[in-house]
Amino acid sequence: MTGEKDLAVLLQNMELVLNTGEYVFGAVENLSEIPDIEKVLFFFREAEAVTIVLRKEVADEWSITYSYIASWITLNIHSSLEAVGLTAAFANALKHENISCNVVAAYFHDHIFIAKEDAEKAMKTLNALKTA
């Protein structure tokens, strides 16, 4: 199953989902340090360590150090990994509102992590892209 590539279609038809909860980015030396991999939203192996993203309460329980508490927005439209311009469109819109975003492009959807205090403003800003 391939995703949508047309930017206009993606922007007009994306459904934004503000997932519940608080999420954090942390780091561990290796995956064996993680008590329950099922509680990790995603991980990425970097040269320095393994970056993990998980619910704040799980990070607190596991004593994972973090400095950024985020909200998680899912763009519910199956975007192709080859789509051009989608990340730029929402990143630029958020930039104009002075909202930082951390993006994860997964197989089916794009996911945006933004500072918790910016969640509602980000949702309004991203929803405006649908009518632009």
C-alpha atoms as a PDB file:
ATOM      1  CA  MET A   1       0.000   0.000   0.000  1.00  0.00           C
ATOM      2  CA  THR A   2       1.554   3.293  -1.069  1.00  0.00           C
ATOM      3  CA  GLY A   3       0.780   6.629   0.514  1.00  0.00           C
ATOM      4  CA  GLU A   4      -0.404   9.897  -0.974  1.00  0.00           C
ATOM      5  CA  LYS A   5       2.241  12.047  -2.705  1.00  0.00           C
ATOM      6  CA  ASP A   6       0.218  15.085  -3.792  1.00  0.00           C
ATOM      7  CA  LEU A   7       0.840  17.927  -1.342  1.00  0.00           C
ATOM      8  CA  ALA A   8      -2.497  19.650  -1.970  1.00  0.00           C
ATOM      9  CA  VAL A   9      -4.385  16.407  -1.305  1.00  0.00           C
ATOM     10  CA  LEU A  10      -2.318  15.728   1.810  1.00  0.00           C
ATOM     11  CA  LEU A  11      -2.944  19.185   3.278  1.00  0.00           C
ATOM     12  CA  GLN A  12      -6.629  19.284   2.454  1.00  0.00           C
ATOM     13  CA  ASN A  13      -7.417  15.786   3.717  1.00  0.00           C
ATOM     14  CA  MET A  14      -5.160  15.394   6.734  1.00  0.00           C
ATOM     15  CA  GLU A  15      -6.960  14.823  10.009  1.00  0.00           C
ATOM     16  CA  LEU A  16      -5.086  16.109  13.020  1.00  0.00           C
ATOM     17  CA  VAL A  17      -5.128  14.064  16.198  1.00  0.00           C
ATOM     18  CA  LEU A  18      -3.806  15.540  19.429  1.00  0.00           C
ATOM     19  CA  ASN A  19      -2.859  12.403  21.336  1.00  0.00           C
ATOM     20  CA  THR A  20      -3.461  12.445  25.066  1.00  0.00           C
ATOM     21  CA  GLY A  21      -0.615  12.571  27.523  1.00  0.00           C
ATOM     22  CA  GLU A  22       2.825  14.089  27.876  1.00  0.00           C
ATOM     23  CA  TYR A  23       5.810  12.702  25.971  1.00  0.00           C
ATOM     24  CA  VAL A  24       9.549  13.059  26.490  1.00  0.00           C
ATOM     25  CA  PHE A  25      12.772  12.374  24.612  1.00  0.00           C
ATOM     26  CA  GLY A  26      15.453  10.543  26.569  1.00  0.00           C
ATOM     27  CA  ALA A  27      18.607   8.557  25.887  1.00  0.00           C
ATOM     28  CA  VAL A  28      19.996   5.201  26.989  1.00  0.00           C
ATOM     29  CA  GLU A  29      23.300   3.533  26.182  1.00  0.00           C
ATOM     30  CA  ASN A  30      21.587   0.454  24.757  1.00  0.00           C
ATOM     31  CA  LEU A  31      18.151  -1.119  24.496  1.00  0.00           C
ATOM     32  CA  SER A  32      18.868  -3.633  27.276  1.00  0.00           C
ATOM     33  CA  GLU A  33      18.466  -0.723  29.738  1.00  0.00           C
ATOM     34  CA  ILE A  34      14.779  -0.434  28.826  1.00  0.00           C
ATOM     35  CA  PRO A  35      12.617  -2.467  31.236  1.00  0.00           C
ATOM     36  CA  ASP A  36       9.676  -2.832  28.816  1.00  0.00           C
ATOM     37  CA  ILE A  37      10.221  -2.054  25.120  1.00  0.00           C
ATOM     38  CA  GLU A  38       6.419  -2.094  24.594  1.00  0.00           C
ATOM     39  CA  LYS A  39       6.185   1.159  26.562  1.00  0.00           C
ATOM     40  CA  VAL A  40       8.549   2.983  24.192  1.00  0.00           C
ATOM     41  CA  LEU A  41       6.804   4.923  21.437  1.00  0.00           C
ATOM     42  CA  PHE A  42       9.880   4.829  19.216  1.00  0.00           C
ATOM     43  CA  PHE A  43      13.629   4.693  19.393  1.00  0.00           C
ATOM     44  CA  PHE A  44      16.461   5.717  17.129  1.00  0.00           C
ATOM     45  CA  ARG A  45      20.005   4.460  17.423  1.00  0.00           C
ATOM     46  CA  GLU A  46      22.535   7.296  17.177  1.00  0.00           C
ATOM     47  CA  ALA A  47      26.330   7.182  17.514  1.00  0.00           C
ATOM     48  CA  GLU A  48      26.184   8.645  21.033  1.00  0.00           C
ATOM     49  CA  ALA A  49      23.255   6.654  22.474  1.00  0.00           C
ATOM     50  CA  VAL A  50      19.770   5.338  21.731  1.00  0.00           C
ATOM     51  CA  THR A  51      17.172   8.110  21.705  1.00  0.00           C
ATOM     52  CA  ILE A  52      13.814   6.980  23.068  1.00  0.00           C
ATOM     53  CA  VAL A  53      10.435   8.703  23.118  1.00  0.00           C
ATOM     54  CA  LEU A  54       7.909   7.613  25.684  1.00  0.00           C
ATOM     55  CA  ARG A  55       5.211   8.845  28.011  1.00  0.00           C
ATOM     56  CA  LYS A  56       6.514  11.179  30.699  1.00  0.00           C
ATOM     57  CA  GLU A  57       5.145   9.037  33.516  1.00  0.00           C
ATOM     58  CA  VAL A  58       7.049   5.996  32.202  1.00  0.00           C
ATOM     59  CA  ALA A  59      10.264   8.016  31.930  1.00  0.00           C
ATOM     60  CA  ASP A  60       9.756   9.173  35.519  1.00  0.00           C
ATOM     61  CA  GLU A  61       9.158   5.594  36.679  1.00  0.00           C
ATOM     62  CA  TRP A  62      12.336   4.418  34.920  1.00  0.00           C
ATOM     63  CA  SER A  63      14.383   7.475  36.008  1.00  0.00           C
ATOM     64  CA  ILE A  64      15.074   8.499  32.398  1.00  0.00           C
ATOM     65  CA  THR A  65      16.481  12.035  32.203  1.00  0.00           C
ATOM     66  CA  TYR A  66      14.666  14.491  29.908  1.00  0.00           C
ATOM     67  CA  SER A  67      14.446  18.258  29.498  1.00  0.00           C
ATOM     68  CA  TYR A  68      11.561  18.688  27.056  1.00  0.00           C
ATOM     69  CA  ILE A  69       7.911  17.791  27.696  1.00  0.00           C
ATOM     70  CA  ALA A  70       5.958  17.477  24.462  1.00  0.00           C
ATOM     71  CA  SER A  71       2.505  16.975  23.093  1.00  0.00           C
ATOM     72  CA  TRP A  72       2.126  14.584  20.165  1.00  0.00           C
ATOM     73  CA  ILE A  73       0.103  15.411  17.056  1.00  0.00           C
ATOM     74  CA  THR A  74      -0.571  12.739  14.437  1.00  0.00           C
ATOM     75  CA  LEU A  75      -1.413  13.705  10.844  1.00  0.00           C
ATOM     76  CA  ASN A  76      -3.978  11.040  10.037  1.00  0.00           C
ATOM     77  CA  ILE A  77      -3.457  10.647   6.334  1.00  0.00           C
ATOM     78  CA  HIS A  78      -1.298   7.975   4.755  1.00  0.00           C
ATOM     79  CA  SER A  79       1.483  10.107   3.352  1.00  0.00           C
ATOM     80  CA  SER A  80       4.081   8.555   1.097  1.00  0.00           C
ATOM     81  CA  LEU A  81       7.641   8.601   2.342  1.00  0.00           C
ATOM     82  CA  GLU A  82       8.368  10.121  -1.098  1.00  0.00           C
ATOM     83  CA  ALA A  83       5.899  13.004  -0.691  1.00  0.00           C
ATOM     84  CA  VAL A  84       7.550  16.383  -1.266  1.00  0.00           C
ATOM     85  CA  GLY A  85       6.699  19.453   0.781  1.00  0.00           C
ATOM     86  CA  LEU A  86       4.499  18.164   3.596  1.00  0.00           C
ATOM     87  CA  THR A  87       7.104  18.542   6.328  1.00  0.00           C
ATOM     88  CA  ALA A  88       8.108  21.947   4.975  1.00  0.00           C
ATOM     89  CA  ALA A  89       4.472  23.101   4.885  1.00  0.00           C
ATOM     90  CA  PHE A  90       3.673  22.322   8.498  1.00  0.00           C
ATOM     91  CA  ALA A  91       7.146  23.275   9.790  1.00  0.00           C
ATOM     92  CA  ASN A  92       6.903  26.687   8.102  1.00  0.00           C
ATOM     93  CA  ALA A  93       3.389  27.266   9.425  1.00  0.00           C
ATOM     94  CA  LEU A  94       4.549  26.425  12.946  1.00  0.00           C
ATOM     95  CA  LYS A  95       7.685  28.555  12.514  1.00  0.00           C
ATOM     96  CA  HIS A  96       5.538  31.618  11.804  1.00  0.00           C
ATOM     97  CA  GLU A  97       3.869  31.050  15.181  1.00  0.00           C
ATOM     98  CA  ASN A  98       7.259  30.532  16.891  1.00  0.00           C
ATOM     99  CA  ILE A  99       6.461  26.868  17.615  1.00  0.00           C
ATOM    100  CA  SER A 100       9.297  24.372  17.541  1.00  0.00           C
ATOM    101  CA  CYS A 101       8.499  20.948  16.117  1.00  0.00           C
ATOM    102  CA  ASN A 102      10.208  17.574  16.155  1.00  0.00           C
ATOM    103  CA  VAL A 103       9.005  15.373  13.322  1.00  0.00           C
ATOM    104  CA  VAL A 104       8.831  11.613  12.929  1.00  0.00           C
ATOM    105  CA  ALA A 105       7.851  10.287   9.521  1.00  0.00           C
ATOM    106  CA  ALA A 106       6.614   6.753  10.105  1.00  0.00           C
ATOM    107  CA  TYR A 107       5.406   4.330   7.433  1.00  0.00           C
ATOM    108  CA  PHE A 108       1.746   5.405   7.483  1.00  0.00           C
ATOM    109  CA  HIS A 109       1.643   8.833   9.128  1.00  0.00           C
ATOM    110  CA  ASP A 110       3.683  11.850  10.111  1.00  0.00           C
ATOM    111  CA  HIS A 111       3.940  12.683  13.800  1.00  0.00           C
ATOM    112  CA  ILE A 112       4.827  16.051  15.276  1.00  0.00           C
ATOM    113  CA  PHE A 113       6.086  16.621  18.796  1.00  0.00           C
ATOM    114  CA  ILE A 114       5.702  20.173  20.026  1.00  0.00           C
ATOM    115  CA  ALA A 115       6.163  21.792  23.436  1.00  0.00           C
ATOM    116  CA  LYS A 116       3.203  20.923  25.638  1.00  0.00           C
ATOM    117  CA  GLU A 117       2.276  24.561  26.180  1.00  0.00           C
ATOM    118  CA  ASP A 118       1.999  25.083  22.391  1.00  0.00           C
ATOM    119  CA  ALA A 119      -0.391  22.191  21.717  1.00  0.00           C
ATOM    120  CA  GLU A 120      -3.616  24.120  21.165  1.00  0.00           C
ATOM    121  CA  LYS A 121      -1.936  26.877  19.173  1.00  0.00           C
ATOM    122  CA  ALA A 122      -0.230  24.246  17.002  1.00  0.00           C
ATOM    123  CA  MET A 123      -3.521  22.470  16.335  1.00  0.00           C
ATOM    124  CA  LYS A 124      -5.139  25.759  15.270  1.00  0.00           C
ATOM    125  CA  THR A 125      -2.153  26.608  13.054  1.00  0.00           C
ATOM    126  CA  LEU A 126      -2.086  23.180  11.397  1.00  0.00           C
ATOM    127  CA  ASN A 127      -5.844  23.133  10.868  1.00  0.00           C
ATOM    128  CA  ALA A 128      -5.510  26.459   9.031  1.00  0.00           C
ATOM    129  CA  LEU A 129      -3.312  24.690   6.450  1.00  0.00           C
ATOM    130  CA  LYS A 130      -6.337  22.648   5.386  1.00  0.00           C
ATOM    131  CA  THR A 131      -8.120  25.739   4.111  1.00  0.00           C
ATOM    132  CA  ALA A 132      -5.111  27.592   2.718  1.00  0.00           C
END
